[in-house]
C-alpha atoms as a PDB file:
ATOM      1  CA  UNK A   1     -12.502 -11.894  17.082  1.00  0.00           C
ATOM      2  CA  UNK A   2     -12.811  -7.917  16.813  1.00  0.00           C
ATOM      3  CA  UNK A   3      -9.924  -5.549  15.250  1.00  0.00           C
ATOM      4  CA  UNK A   4      -9.930  -2.067  15.301  1.00  0.00           C
ATOM      5  CA  UNK A   5      -7.534  -0.098  12.917  1.00  0.00           C
ATOM      6  CA  UNK A   6      -7.256   3.436  14.063  1.00  0.00           C
ATOM      7  CA  UNK A   7      -5.084   5.996  12.368  1.00  0.00           C
ATOM      8  CA  UNK A   8      -5.455  10.064  11.688  1.00  0.00           C
ATOM      9  CA  UNK A   9      -6.071   9.881   8.076  1.00  0.00           C
ATOM     10  CA  UNK A  10      -4.911   6.140   6.443  1.00  0.00           C
ATOM     11  CA  UNK A  11      -2.586   8.064   4.067  1.00  0.00           C
ATOM     12  CA  UNK A  12      -2.860   5.619   1.538  1.00  0.00           C
ATOM     13  CA  UNK A  13      -6.048   4.056   2.795  1.00  0.00           C
ATOM     14  CA  UNK A  14      -4.318   0.844   3.222  1.00  0.00           C
ATOM     15  CA  UNK A  15      -5.712  -0.071   6.971  1.00  0.00           C
ATOM     16  CA  UNK A  16      -9.411   0.716   5.623  1.00  0.00           C
ATOM     17  CA  UNK A  17      -9.247  -1.765   3.164  1.00  0.00           C
ATOM     18  CA  UNK A  18      -7.721  -4.217   4.963  1.00  0.00           C
ATOM     19  CA  UNK A  19     -10.682  -3.759   7.614  1.00  0.00           C
ATOM     20  CA  UNK A  20     -13.465  -3.863   4.439  1.00  0.00           C
ATOM     21  CA  UNK A  21     -11.539  -7.065   3.328  1.00  0.00           C
ATOM     22  CA  UNK A  22     -11.955  -8.997   6.812  1.00  0.00           C
ATOM     23  CA  UNK A  23     -15.726  -7.733   6.944  1.00  0.00           C
ATOM     24  CA  UNK A  24     -16.221  -9.268   3.633  1.00  0.00           C
ATOM     25  CA  UNK A  25     -14.629 -12.463   3.484  1.00  0.00           C
ATOM     26  CA  UNK A  26     -13.422 -13.572   6.916  1.00  0.00           C
ATOM     27  CA  UNK A  27     -15.427 -13.822  10.427  1.00  0.00           C
ATOM     28  CA  UNK A  28     -13.074 -11.246  11.684  1.00  0.00           C
ATOM     29  CA  UNK A  29     -15.158  -8.099  12.673  1.00  0.00           C
ATOM     30  CA  UNK A  30     -13.086  -4.943  12.114  1.00  0.00           C
ATOM     31  CA  UNK A  31     -13.681  -0.928  11.704  1.00  0.00           C
ATOM     32  CA  UNK A  32     -11.494   1.909  10.308  1.00  0.00           C
ATOM     33  CA  UNK A  33     -11.440   4.718  12.764  1.00  0.00           C
ATOM     34  CA  UNK A  34      -9.880   7.681  11.943  1.00  0.00           C
ATOM     35  CA  UNK A  35      -9.832  11.639  13.131  1.00  0.00           C
ATOM     36  CA  UNK A  36      -9.928  12.637   9.591  1.00  0.00           C
ATOM     37  CA  UNK A  37     -11.945  12.502   6.456  1.00  0.00           C
ATOM     38  CA  UNK A  38      -9.651  11.361   3.648  1.00  0.00           C
ATOM     39  CA  UNK A  39      -8.560  13.583   1.066  1.00  0.00           C
ATOM     40  CA  UNK A  40      -8.423  11.488  -2.161  1.00  0.00           C
ATOM     41  CA  UNK A  41     -11.985  10.393  -1.926  1.00  0.00           C
ATOM     42  CA  UNK A  42     -11.406   6.928  -2.037  1.00  0.00           C
ATOM     43  CA  UNK A  43     -14.577   4.286  -2.932  1.00  0.00           C
ATOM     44  CA  UNK A  44     -13.857   2.498   0.323  1.00  0.00           C
ATOM     45  CA  UNK A  45     -14.484   4.782   3.496  1.00  0.00           C
ATOM     46  CA  UNK A  46     -13.438   5.159   6.764  1.00  0.00           C
ATOM     47  CA  UNK A  47     -15.867   3.871   8.929  1.00  0.00           C
ATOM     48  CA  UNK A  48     -15.765   6.734  11.334  1.00  0.00           C
ATOM     49  CA  UNK A  49     -13.895  10.107  11.074  1.00  0.00           C
ATOM     50  CA  UNK A  50     -13.563  11.171  14.684  1.00  0.00           C
ATOM     51  CA  UNK A  51     -13.647  14.981  14.237  1.00  0.00           C
ATOM     52  CA  UNK A  52     -17.284  14.508  12.140  1.00  0.00           C
ATOM     53  CA  UNK A  53     -18.686  12.280  14.787  1.00  0.00           C
ATOM     54  CA  UNK A  54     -21.741  13.143  16.885  1.00  0.00           C
ATOM     55  CA  UNK A  55     -22.040  12.185  20.719  1.00  0.00           C
ATOM     56  CA  UNK A  56     -24.053   9.068  19.693  1.00  0.00           C
ATOM     57  CA  UNK A  57     -21.267   7.962  16.909  1.00  0.00           C
ATOM     58  CA  UNK A  58     -18.430   9.044  19.407  1.00  0.00           C
ATOM     59  CA  UNK A  59     -20.001   6.604  22.033  1.00  0.00           C
ATOM     60  CA  UNK A  60     -20.283   3.664  19.293  1.00  0.00           C
ATOM     61  CA  UNK A  61     -16.725   4.135  18.482  1.00  0.00           C
ATOM     62  CA  UNK A  62     -15.690   4.241  22.177  1.00  0.00           C
ATOM     63  CA  UNK A  63     -17.722   0.775  22.851  1.00  0.00           C
ATOM     64  CA  UNK A  64     -16.343  -0.719  19.640  1.00  0.00           C
ATOM     65  CA  UNK A  65     -12.428  -0.088  20.488  1.00  0.00           C
ATOM     66  CA  UNK A  66     -13.421  -1.239  24.210  1.00  0.00           C
ATOM     67  CA  UNK A  67     -14.636  -4.604  22.683  1.00  0.00           C
ATOM     68  CA  UNK A  68     -11.763  -5.009  20.219  1.00  0.00           C
ATOM     69  CA  UNK A  69      -9.208  -7.882  20.592  1.00  0.00           C
ATOM     70  CA  UNK A  70      -6.798  -6.174  18.997  1.00  0.00           C
ATOM     71  CA  UNK A  71      -5.697  -2.534  17.762  1.00  0.00           C
ATOM     72  CA  UNK A  72      -3.630  -1.666  14.799  1.00  0.00           C
ATOM     73  CA  UNK A  73      -2.997   1.953  14.819  1.00  0.00           C
ATOM     74  CA  UNK A  74      -0.536   3.679  12.191  1.00  0.00           C
ATOM     75  CA  UNK A  75       1.787   6.207  13.122  1.00  0.00           C
ATOM     76  CA  UNK A  76       1.662   8.762  10.118  1.00  0.00           C
ATOM     77  CA  UNK A  77       4.214  11.608   9.684  1.00  0.00           C
ATOM     78  CA  UNK A  78       3.946  13.063  13.400  1.00  0.00           C
ATOM     79  CA  UNK A  79       6.253  14.620  15.628  1.00  0.00           C
ATOM     80  CA  UNK A  80       8.662  12.669  17.340  1.00  0.00           C
ATOM     81  CA  UNK A  81       7.350  12.038  20.730  1.00  0.00           C
ATOM     82  CA  UNK A  82       7.417  10.070  23.931  1.00  0.00           C
ATOM     83  CA  UNK A  83       4.109   8.737  23.289  1.00  0.00           C
ATOM     84  CA  UNK A  84       2.454   7.256  20.308  1.00  0.00           C
ATOM     85  CA  UNK A  85       0.452  10.262  18.788  1.00  0.00           C
ATOM     86  CA  UNK A  86      -2.071   7.992  17.082  1.00  0.00           C
ATOM     87  CA  UNK A  87      -2.948   6.281  20.476  1.00  0.00           C
ATOM     88  CA  UNK A  88      -2.794   9.664  22.847  1.00  0.00           C
ATOM     89  CA  UNK A  89      -5.273  11.033  20.470  1.00  0.00           C
ATOM     90  CA  UNK A  90      -7.491   8.336  20.521  1.00  0.00           C
ATOM     91  CA  UNK A  91      -7.082   7.976  24.075  1.00  0.00           C
ATOM     92  CA  UNK A  92      -7.703  11.686  24.910  1.00  0.00           C
ATOM     93  CA  UNK A  93     -10.730  12.081  22.168  1.00  0.00           C
ATOM     94  CA  UNK A  94     -12.129   8.951  23.808  1.00  0.00           C
ATOM     95  CA  UNK A  95     -11.307   8.918  27.098  1.00  0.00           C
ATOM     96  CA  UNK A  96      -9.494   5.343  27.330  1.00  0.00           C
ATOM     97  CA  UNK A  97      -5.498   4.915  27.742  1.00  0.00           C
ATOM     98  CA  UNK A  98      -5.417   2.775  25.319  1.00  0.00           C
ATOM     99  CA  UNK A  99      -1.462   2.016  26.190  1.00  0.00           C
ATOM    100  CA  UNK A 100      -2.315   0.220  29.250  1.00  0.00           C
ATOM    101  CA  UNK A 101      -5.846  -0.763  28.175  1.00  0.00           C
ATOM    102  CA  UNK A 102      -4.621  -4.575  27.945  1.00  0.00           C
ATOM    103  CA  UNK A 103      -5.486  -4.880  24.311  1.00  0.00           C
ATOM    104  CA  UNK A 104      -3.360  -6.440  21.532  1.00  0.00           C
ATOM    105  CA  UNK A 105      -1.435  -3.591  19.965  1.00  0.00           C
ATOM    106  CA  UNK A 106       0.052  -3.692  16.527  1.00  0.00           C
ATOM    107  CA  UNK A 107       1.889  -0.451  15.032  1.00  0.00           C
ATOM    108  CA  UNK A 108       1.721   0.309  11.330  1.00  0.00           C
ATOM    109  CA  UNK A 109       4.702   2.259  10.054  1.00  0.00           C
ATOM    110  CA  UNK A 110       3.794   3.708   6.206  1.00  0.00           C
ATOM    111  CA  UNK A 111       6.158   5.676   4.711  1.00  0.00           C
ATOM    112  CA  UNK A 112       8.436   8.223   4.823  1.00  0.00           C
ATOM    113  CA  UNK A 113       7.853   9.732   8.407  1.00  0.00           C
ATOM    114  CA  UNK A 114       9.532   6.006  10.046  1.00  0.00           C
ATOM    115  CA  UNK A 115      12.543   6.005   7.005  1.00  0.00           C
ATOM    116  CA  UNK A 116      13.692   9.641   8.365  1.00  0.00           C
ATOM    117  CA  UNK A 117      13.426   8.490  11.752  1.00  0.00           C
ATOM    118  CA  UNK A 118      13.560   4.806  12.318  1.00  0.00           C
ATOM    119  CA  UNK A 119      16.314   4.813  15.194  1.00  0.00           C
ATOM    120  CA  UNK A 120      13.840   6.749  17.173  1.00  0.00           C
ATOM    121  CA  UNK A 121      10.738   4.443  16.783  1.00  0.00           C
ATOM    122  CA  UNK A 122      13.462   1.463  17.339  1.00  0.00           C
ATOM    123  CA  UNK A 123      14.371   2.674  20.788  1.00  0.00           C
ATOM    124  CA  UNK A 124      10.725   4.376  21.544  1.00  0.00           C
ATOM    125  CA  UNK A 125      10.000   3.821  25.111  1.00  0.00           C
ATOM    126  CA  UNK A 126       6.924   2.586  24.685  1.00  0.00           C
ATOM    127  CA  UNK A 127       8.027  -0.142  22.480  1.00  0.00           C
ATOM    128  CA  UNK A 128       8.227  -3.084  24.529  1.00  0.00           C
ATOM    129  CA  UNK A 129       3.995  -2.260  25.166  1.00  0.00           C
ATOM    130  CA  UNK A 130       3.766  -3.234  21.493  1.00  0.00           C
ATOM    131  CA  UNK A 131       2.704  -6.594  20.365  1.00  0.00           C
ATOM    132  CA  UNK A 132       3.448  -6.358  16.448  1.00  0.00           C
ATOM    133  CA  UNK A 133       5.500  -3.475  14.715  1.00  0.00           C
ATOM    134  CA  UNK A 134       4.484  -3.620  10.933  1.00  0.00           C
ATOM    135  CA  UNK A 135       6.622  -2.311   7.788  1.00  0.00           C
ATOM    136  CA  UNK A 136       6.293  -1.231   4.527  1.00  0.00           C
ATOM    137  CA  UNK A 137       8.354  -3.617   2.719  1.00  0.00           C
ATOM    138  CA  UNK A 138      11.401  -0.956   1.938  1.00  0.00           C
ATOM    139  CA  UNK A 139      10.967  -0.239   5.594  1.00  0.00           C
ATOM    140  CA  UNK A 140      11.607  -3.502   7.070  1.00  0.00           C
ATOM    141  CA  UNK A 141      15.546  -3.072   6.325  1.00  0.00           C
ATOM    142  CA  UNK A 142      15.495  -0.248   8.849  1.00  0.00           C
ATOM    143  CA  UNK A 143      13.769  -2.347  11.644  1.00  0.00           C
ATOM    144  CA  UNK A 144      15.272  -4.053  14.469  1.00  0.00           C
ATOM    145  CA  UNK A 145      14.318  -7.266  12.736  1.00  0.00           C
ATOM    146  CA  UNK A 146      13.461  -9.008  16.097  1.00  0.00           C
ATOM    147  CA  UNK A 147      10.446 -11.726  16.299  1.00  0.00           C
ATOM    148  CA  UNK A 148       7.795  -8.899  16.758  1.00  0.00           C
ATOM    149  CA  UNK A 149       8.892  -6.589  13.596  1.00  0.00           C
ATOM    150  CA  UNK A 150       7.111  -7.861  10.320  1.00  0.00           C
ATOM    151  CA  UNK A 151       6.951  -6.844   7.052  1.00  0.00           C
ATOM    152  CA  UNK A 152       3.352  -5.786   5.910  1.00  0.00           C
ATOM    153  CA  UNK A 153       1.943  -5.692   2.437  1.00  0.00           C
ATOM    154  CA  UNK A 154       0.755  -2.033   1.218  1.00  0.00           C
ATOM    155  CA  UNK A 155      -2.734  -3.016   0.331  1.00  0.00           C
ATOM    156  CA  UNK A 156      -6.070  -1.869  -1.237  1.00  0.00           C
ATOM    157  CA  UNK A 157      -9.031  -4.013  -1.946  1.00  0.00           C
ATOM    158  CA  UNK A 158     -10.129  -5.519  -5.363  1.00  0.00           C
ATOM    159  CA  UNK A 159     -11.644  -8.381  -5.089  1.00  0.00           C
ATOM    160  CA  UNK A 160     -10.040  -9.687  -8.904  1.00  0.00           C
ATOM    161  CA  UNK A 161     -10.507 -12.507 -10.921  1.00  0.00           C
ATOM    162  CA  UNK A 162      -7.002 -14.163 -12.705  1.00  0.00           C
ATOM    163  CA  UNK A 163      -8.838 -15.029 -15.917  1.00  0.00           C
ATOM    164  CA  UNK A 164     -10.305 -11.496 -16.229  1.00  0.00           C
ATOM    165  CA  UNK A 165      -7.406 -10.205 -15.253  1.00  0.00           C
ATOM    166  CA  UNK A 166      -5.209 -11.895 -17.865  1.00  0.00           C
ATOM    167  CA  UNK A 167      -8.217 -11.549 -20.517  1.00  0.00           C
ATOM    168  CA  UNK A 168      -8.048  -7.446 -19.621  1.00  0.00           C
ATOM    169  CA  UNK A 169      -4.369  -7.477 -20.304  1.00  0.00           C
ATOM    170  CA  UNK A 170      -4.819  -9.126 -23.673  1.00  0.00           C
ATOM    171  CA  UNK A 171      -7.663  -7.050 -24.944  1.00  0.00           C
ATOM    172  CA  UNK A 172      -5.159  -3.945 -24.245  1.00  0.00           C
ATOM    173  CA  UNK A 173      -2.391  -5.363 -26.585  1.00  0.00           C
ATOM    174  CA  UNK A 174      -4.391  -5.263 -29.250  1.00  0.00           C
ATOM    175  CA  UNK A 175      -4.897  -1.965 -29.501  1.00  0.00           C
ATOM    176  CA  UNK A 176      -2.890   0.099 -32.106  1.00  0.00           C
ATOM    177  CA  UNK A 177      -1.886   2.547 -29.379  1.00  0.00           C
ATOM    178  CA  UNK A 178      -1.359   1.322 -26.102  1.00  0.00           C
ATOM    179  CA  UNK A 179      -1.219   3.680 -22.933  1.00  0.00           C
ATOM    180  CA  UNK A 180       1.767   3.992 -20.599  1.00  0.00           C
ATOM    181  CA  UNK A 181       0.768   5.726 -17.491  1.00  0.00           C
ATOM    182  CA  UNK A 182       1.851   7.636 -14.525  1.00  0.00           C
ATOM    183  CA  UNK A 183       0.047   9.150 -11.997  1.00  0.00           C
ATOM    184  CA  UNK A 184       1.413  10.106  -8.954  1.00  0.00           C
ATOM    185  CA  UNK A 185       0.157  11.477  -5.723  1.00  0.00           C
ATOM    186  CA  UNK A 186       3.452  13.411  -5.032  1.00  0.00           C
ATOM    187  CA  UNK A 187       5.381  14.152  -8.197  1.00  0.00           C
ATOM    188  CA  UNK A 188       8.519  15.111  -5.959  1.00  0.00           C
ATOM    189  CA  UNK A 189       8.138  11.835  -3.963  1.00  0.00           C
ATOM    190  CA  UNK A 190       7.231   9.783  -7.187  1.00  0.00           C
ATOM    191  CA  UNK A 191      10.384  11.152  -9.473  1.00  0.00           C
ATOM    192  CA  UNK A 192       8.063  12.500 -11.900  1.00  0.00           C
ATOM    193  CA  UNK A 193      10.496  14.492 -13.574  1.00  0.00           C
ATOM    194  CA  UNK A 194      12.921  11.943 -14.402  1.00  0.00           C
ATOM    195  CA  UNK A 195       9.842   9.563 -15.298  1.00  0.00           C
ATOM    196  CA  UNK A 196       8.774  12.177 -18.014  1.00  0.00           C
ATOM    197  CA  UNK A 197      12.008  12.440 -19.358  1.00  0.00           C
ATOM    198  CA  UNK A 198      12.486   9.006 -19.469  1.00  0.00           C
ATOM    199  CA  UNK A 199       9.171   8.452 -21.573  1.00  0.00           C
ATOM    200  CA  UNK A 200       9.831  11.451 -24.164  1.00  0.00           C
ATOM    201  CA  UNK A 201      10.934   8.538 -26.855  1.00  0.00           C
ATOM    202  CA  UNK A 202       8.905   5.444 -26.695  1.00  0.00           C
ATOM    203  CA  UNK A 203       8.340   2.657 -29.709  1.00  0.00           C
ATOM    204  CA  UNK A 204       5.454   4.009 -32.202  1.00  0.00           C
ATOM    205  CA  UNK A 205       2.686   1.814 -30.698  1.00  0.00           C
ATOM    206  CA  UNK A 206       3.032   3.515 -27.550  1.00  0.00           C
ATOM    207  CA  UNK A 207       1.963   6.818 -25.863  1.00  0.00           C
ATOM    208  CA  UNK A 208       2.554   8.097 -22.153  1.00  0.00           C
ATOM    209  CA  UNK A 209       0.134   9.943 -20.222  1.00  0.00           C
ATOM    210  CA  UNK A 210       0.485  11.460 -17.048  1.00  0.00           C
ATOM    211  CA  UNK A 211      -1.561  13.455 -14.523  1.00  0.00           C
ATOM    212  CA  UNK A 212      -1.516  14.483 -10.917  1.00  0.00           C
ATOM    213  CA  UNK A 213      -4.241  16.170  -8.304  1.00  0.00           C
ATOM    214  CA  UNK A 214      -7.196  13.974  -9.419  1.00  0.00           C
ATOM    215  CA  UNK A 215      -9.553  11.862  -7.208  1.00  0.00           C
ATOM    216  CA  UNK A 216      -8.760   8.554  -6.646  1.00  0.00           C
ATOM    217  CA  UNK A 217     -11.459   7.261  -9.043  1.00  0.00           C
ATOM    218  CA  UNK A 218     -10.550   9.284 -11.690  1.00  0.00           C
ATOM    219  CA  UNK A 219      -6.948   7.417 -11.431  1.00  0.00           C
ATOM    220  CA  UNK A 220      -8.214   4.277 -11.505  1.00  0.00           C
ATOM    221  CA  UNK A 221      -9.870   5.168 -14.542  1.00  0.00           C
ATOM    222  CA  UNK A 222      -6.785   5.650 -16.080  1.00  0.00           C
ATOM    223  CA  UNK A 223      -5.424   2.609 -15.303  1.00  0.00           C
ATOM    224  CA  UNK A 224      -8.072   0.514 -16.463  1.00  0.00           C
ATOM    225  CA  UNK A 225      -7.303   2.177 -19.721  1.00  0.00           C
ATOM    226  CA  UNK A 226      -3.190   1.412 -19.506  1.00  0.00           C
ATOM    227  CA  UNK A 227      -1.217  -1.389 -20.278  1.00  0.00           C
ATOM    228  CA  UNK A 228       1.925  -0.289 -18.670  1.00  0.00           C
ATOM    229  CA  UNK A 229       1.595   1.888 -14.854  1.00  0.00           C
ATOM    230  CA  UNK A 230       5.013   3.694 -13.853  1.00  0.00           C
ATOM    231  CA  UNK A 231       4.713   3.827 -10.275  1.00  0.00           C
ATOM    232  CA  UNK A 232       8.063   5.864  -8.853  1.00  0.00           C
ATOM    233  CA  UNK A 233      11.233   6.055  -9.272  1.00  0.00           C
ATOM    234  CA  UNK A 234      13.337   7.402  -6.129  1.00  0.00           C
ATOM    235  CA  UNK A 235      16.461   6.468  -4.468  1.00  0.00           C
ATOM    236  CA  UNK A 236      15.162   5.445  -0.990  1.00  0.00           C
ATOM    237  CA  UNK A 237      11.273   3.974  -1.177  1.00  0.00           C
ATOM    238  CA  UNK A 238       9.621   1.533  -3.348  1.00  0.00           C
ATOM    239  CA  UNK A 239       6.069   0.931  -4.762  1.00  0.00           C
ATOM    240  CA  UNK A 240       3.101   1.719  -3.281  1.00  0.00           C
ATOM    241  CA  UNK A 241      -0.581   1.193  -3.249  1.00  0.00           C
ATOM    242  CA  UNK A 242      -0.796   2.790  -6.668  1.00  0.00           C
ATOM    243  CA  UNK A 243       1.194  -0.263  -7.929  1.00  0.00           C
ATOM    244  CA  UNK A 244      -0.881  -3.139  -6.779  1.00  0.00           C
ATOM    245  CA  UNK A 245      -4.031  -0.994  -7.947  1.00  0.00           C
ATOM    246  CA  UNK A 246      -2.309  -0.799 -11.402  1.00  0.00           C
ATOM    247  CA  UNK A 247      -1.609  -4.140 -11.450  1.00  0.00           C
ATOM    248  CA  UNK A 248      -5.036  -5.321 -10.607  1.00  0.00           C
ATOM    249  CA  UNK A 249      -6.430  -3.479 -13.438  1.00  0.00           C
ATOM    250  CA  UNK A 250      -4.261  -5.511 -15.806  1.00  0.00           C
ATOM    251  CA  UNK A 251      -0.983  -3.125 -15.995  1.00  0.00           C
ATOM    252  CA  UNK A 252       2.444  -4.339 -16.039  1.00  0.00           C
ATOM    253  CA  UNK A 253       4.304  -2.101 -13.320  1.00  0.00           C
ATOM    254  CA  UNK A 254       7.344  -0.220 -13.600  1.00  0.00           C
ATOM    255  CA  UNK A 255       8.938   0.974 -10.366  1.00  0.00           C
ATOM    256  CA  UNK A 256      12.225   0.981  -7.901  1.00  0.00           C
ATOM    257  CA  UNK A 257      12.524  -2.120  -5.828  1.00  0.00           C
ATOM    258  CA  UNK A 258      15.609  -1.895  -4.315  1.00  0.00           C
ATOM    259  CA  UNK A 259      16.108  -3.119  -0.799  1.00  0.00           C
ATOM    260  CA  UNK A 260      13.015  -5.064  -0.446  1.00  0.00           C
ATOM    261  CA  UNK A 261      13.838  -8.823  -1.465  1.00  0.00           C
ATOM    262  CA  UNK A 262      14.903  -9.295   2.487  1.00  0.00           C
ATOM    263  CA  UNK A 263      11.048  -8.419   3.235  1.00  0.00           C
ATOM    264  CA  UNK A 264       9.296 -10.089   0.847  1.00  0.00           C
ATOM    265  CA  UNK A 265      11.593 -13.298   1.688  1.00  0.00           C
ATOM    266  CA  UNK A 266      10.397 -13.392   5.262  1.00  0.00           C
ATOM    267  CA  UNK A 267       6.632 -12.820   4.194  1.00  0.00           C
ATOM    268  CA  UNK A 268       6.678 -15.021   1.460  1.00  0.00           C
ATOM    269  CA  UNK A 269       9.507 -17.594   1.437  1.00  0.00           C
ATOM    270  CA  UNK A 270      11.003 -16.034  -1.879  1.00  0.00           C
ATOM    271  CA  UNK A 271      12.727 -12.706  -3.118  1.00  0.00           C
ATOM    272  CA  UNK A 272       9.964 -12.039  -5.776  1.00  0.00           C
ATOM    273  CA  UNK A 273       7.935  -9.460  -6.296  1.00  0.00           C
ATOM    274  CA  UNK A 274       5.317  -8.791  -9.304  1.00  0.00           C
ATOM    275  CA  UNK A 275       6.876  -5.484 -10.674  1.00  0.00           C
ATOM    276  CA  UNK A 276       9.667  -4.595 -13.453  1.00  0.00           C
ATOM    277  CA  UNK A 277      12.657  -2.849 -11.340  1.00  0.00           C
ATOM    278  CA  UNK A 278      13.542   0.151 -12.814  1.00  0.00           C
ATOM    279  CA  UNK A 279      17.035   0.199 -10.445  1.00  0.00           C
ATOM    280  CA  UNK A 280      18.142   3.486  -8.477  1.00  0.00           C
ATOM    281  CA  UNK A 281      20.346   5.084 -11.376  1.00  0.00           C
ATOM    282  CA  UNK A 282      18.610   8.387 -11.997  1.00  0.00           C
ATOM    283  CA  UNK A 283      19.617   8.151 -15.580  1.00  0.00           C
ATOM    284  CA  UNK A 284      16.413   8.578 -18.244  1.00  0.00           C
ATOM    285  CA  UNK A 285      18.180   7.024 -21.407  1.00  0.00           C
ATOM    286  CA  UNK A 286      18.590   3.647 -18.872  1.00  0.00           C
ATOM    287  CA  UNK A 287      14.982   3.896 -17.111  1.00  0.00           C
ATOM    288  CA  UNK A 288      13.889   4.062 -20.945  1.00  0.00           C
ATOM    289  CA  UNK A 289      15.726   1.468 -22.056  1.00  0.00           C
ATOM    290  CA  UNK A 290      14.381  -0.732 -20.002  1.00  0.00           C
ATOM    291  CA  UNK A 291      10.957   0.460 -20.315  1.00  0.00           C
ATOM    292  CA  UNK A 292      11.537   0.087 -24.553  1.00  0.00           C
ATOM    293  CA  UNK A 293      12.864  -3.415 -23.476  1.00  0.00           C
ATOM    294  CA  UNK A 294       9.273  -4.666 -22.394  1.00  0.00           C
ATOM    295  CA  UNK A 295       7.550  -2.404 -24.796  1.00  0.00           C
ATOM    296  CA  UNK A 296       9.026  -4.356 -27.944  1.00  0.00           C
ATOM    297  CA  UNK A 297       8.628  -8.004 -26.817  1.00  0.00           C
ATOM    298  CA  UNK A 298       6.205 -10.181 -28.748  1.00  0.00           C
ATOM    299  CA  UNK A 299       2.704 -10.343 -27.201  1.00  0.00           C
ATOM    300  CA  UNK A 300       3.051 -13.723 -26.431  1.00  0.00           C
ATOM    301  CA  UNK A 301       6.460 -13.142 -24.273  1.00  0.00           C
ATOM    302  CA  UNK A 302       3.973  -9.856 -22.471  1.00  0.00           C
ATOM    303  CA  UNK A 303       1.063 -12.307 -21.755  1.00  0.00           C
ATOM    304  CA  UNK A 304       3.566 -15.076 -20.469  1.00  0.00           C
ATOM    305  CA  UNK A 305       5.023 -12.479 -17.888  1.00  0.00           C
ATOM    306  CA  UNK A 306       1.823 -11.311 -16.690  1.00  0.00           C
ATOM    307  CA  UNK A 307       0.510 -14.707 -16.349  1.00  0.00           C
ATOM    308  CA  UNK A 308       3.170 -15.502 -13.645  1.00  0.00           C
ATOM    309  CA  UNK A 309       2.536 -12.101 -12.139  1.00  0.00           C
ATOM    310  CA  UNK A 310      -1.540 -12.930 -11.889  1.00  0.00           C
ATOM    311  CA  UNK A 311      -0.347 -15.983 -10.339  1.00  0.00           C
ATOM    312  CA  UNK A 312       1.680 -14.505  -7.491  1.00  0.00           C
ATOM    313  CA  UNK A 313      -0.885 -11.912  -6.962  1.00  0.00           C
ATOM    314  CA  UNK A 314      -3.627 -14.512  -6.772  1.00  0.00           C
ATOM    315  CA  UNK A 315      -1.643 -16.104  -3.579  1.00  0.00           C
ATOM    316  CA  UNK A 316      -0.851 -12.776  -1.727  1.00  0.00           C
ATOM    317  CA  UNK A 317      -3.269 -10.517  -2.736  1.00  0.00           C
ATOM    318  CA  UNK A 318      -6.635 -12.138  -3.359  1.00  0.00           C
ATOM    319  CA  UNK A 319      -8.864 -11.877  -0.036  1.00  0.00           C
ATOM    320  CA  UNK A 320      -7.809 -15.421   0.999  1.00  0.00           C
ATOM    321  CA  UNK A 321      -4.107 -13.916   0.777  1.00  0.00           C
ATOM    322  CA  UNK A 322      -4.796 -11.058   2.687  1.00  0.00           C
ATOM    323  CA  UNK A 323      -6.567 -13.206   5.905  1.00  0.00           C
ATOM    324  CA  UNK A 324      -3.934 -15.080   6.180  1.00  0.00           C
ATOM    325  CA  UNK A 325      -1.502 -12.380   6.573  1.00  0.00           C
ATOM    326  CA  UNK A 326      -3.862 -10.427   8.994  1.00  0.00           C
ATOM    327  CA  UNK A 327      -4.310 -14.063  10.958  1.00  0.00           C
ATOM    328  CA  UNK A 328      -0.551 -14.507  11.266  1.00  0.00           C
ATOM    329  CA  UNK A 329      -0.137 -11.029  12.552  1.00  0.00           C
ATOM    330  CA  UNK A 330      -2.645 -10.768  15.622  1.00  0.00           C
ATOM    331  CA  UNK A 331      -2.292 -14.834  16.445  1.00  0.00           C
END
């Protein structure tokens, strides 16, 4: 089985990291092929960036796609068009009519573009040519919710050890000053202003740090040091890859979780996500109260909470869990 993951830049590196996981831990062969390099300098790179490929590499890409059994393409922030822009761009670049290629096609709707234009995509004239339509959890509620509409875990690859996750969390609890981090990719959409207002007063043994505009490896370094991570607060979205990444670096993660339970129940059978819900009320005092409640818990209670989270993550975000999800999509 061969899979091509196609996108413009793969905004949160999700498709690229799925591809990496499949190659490393399964018999499925895959490649992440984008038109441009990723701006955040992720450790795991695209296999190809078309705009920087030489002629030989272009031929390699073309042959790989022609030999693929499945194509998963991301439709990221494109103008509303009667063709899917990602497929059209790759078709034009490689001289392949992908929409009529006979390949099994899956579309990944990752974020705000689908949220703002869901009806257009739900009624898209080429929708019937797509085998599976994949959605971030908070977007699934906007879909047609048909048999081919599936929630899709946002994901960054970490081959974690559950015992190490818990051990690292316990070690962070021993620090005299515990760190709460918020490192947004986009401060406006992540609710950074209200998060900063919500963290002006904290228990004495906690401090807050926030920055933006840094590289992905730098952001990960901060997450290895923090005990709590605030992913985002907003009235429309939900958790992103930064939340998963923080969790897999032994953080208790806080974020907005509204309207995700239907999607997670469809995927896992239970309306449970491994994060602390900040709600949707834009009240700094209320958000502060939620964070402070956890900050004031005894260490043994925090450890018990985190151990439960790790069990959930081990089932769904381990390489085995990710491979199971992809196999369910492509079967």
